[in-house]
Amino acid sequence: VENLTSCKFVSSWDEKEVFVTLSYSDSVSDSAEWLAHFSPLLELFSITSLTARFQKSSLSLGREEKCVNDKIVVRGVEISYKKPEDAFCHPNKHTMSKALDWLITRIESIESESPTLLEMY
């Protein structure tokens, strides 16, 4: 695997969906060869989507939508969650649920104070 600089994994919390992104420092010399070489890995390792990124271009195998579909329960309510393959999402479901609960609590306390500005990052 020439010019491979990094490999990123994004998975659903129930581990039913796995997205793999391979980043290359230079373009893949033969796209058809890359697709043929990596295509069997999708089934072998139960990968939902495999993407190669290089010089403002990419090759993809598997599902076209580049979001991991997930569910999380916060305060007894099940929330559908879409995690884009190129965005950070907390890998620990329990910690993420607690963080969202904390965020809701903070927003509720701010609402009761009649704020003029809520700044979030």
Foldseek 3Di string as FASTA:
>chain_A
DPQWDDKDWDAELVRQEIEIETEGAADDPDLVVVCVVCVVVCVVVVYQKYWYDYDPDIDIDHDPQQWHWYWAAAPNDIDIDTHGNPDDDDNHRVVNNVVVNVVVVVVVVVVVVPDPDDDDD
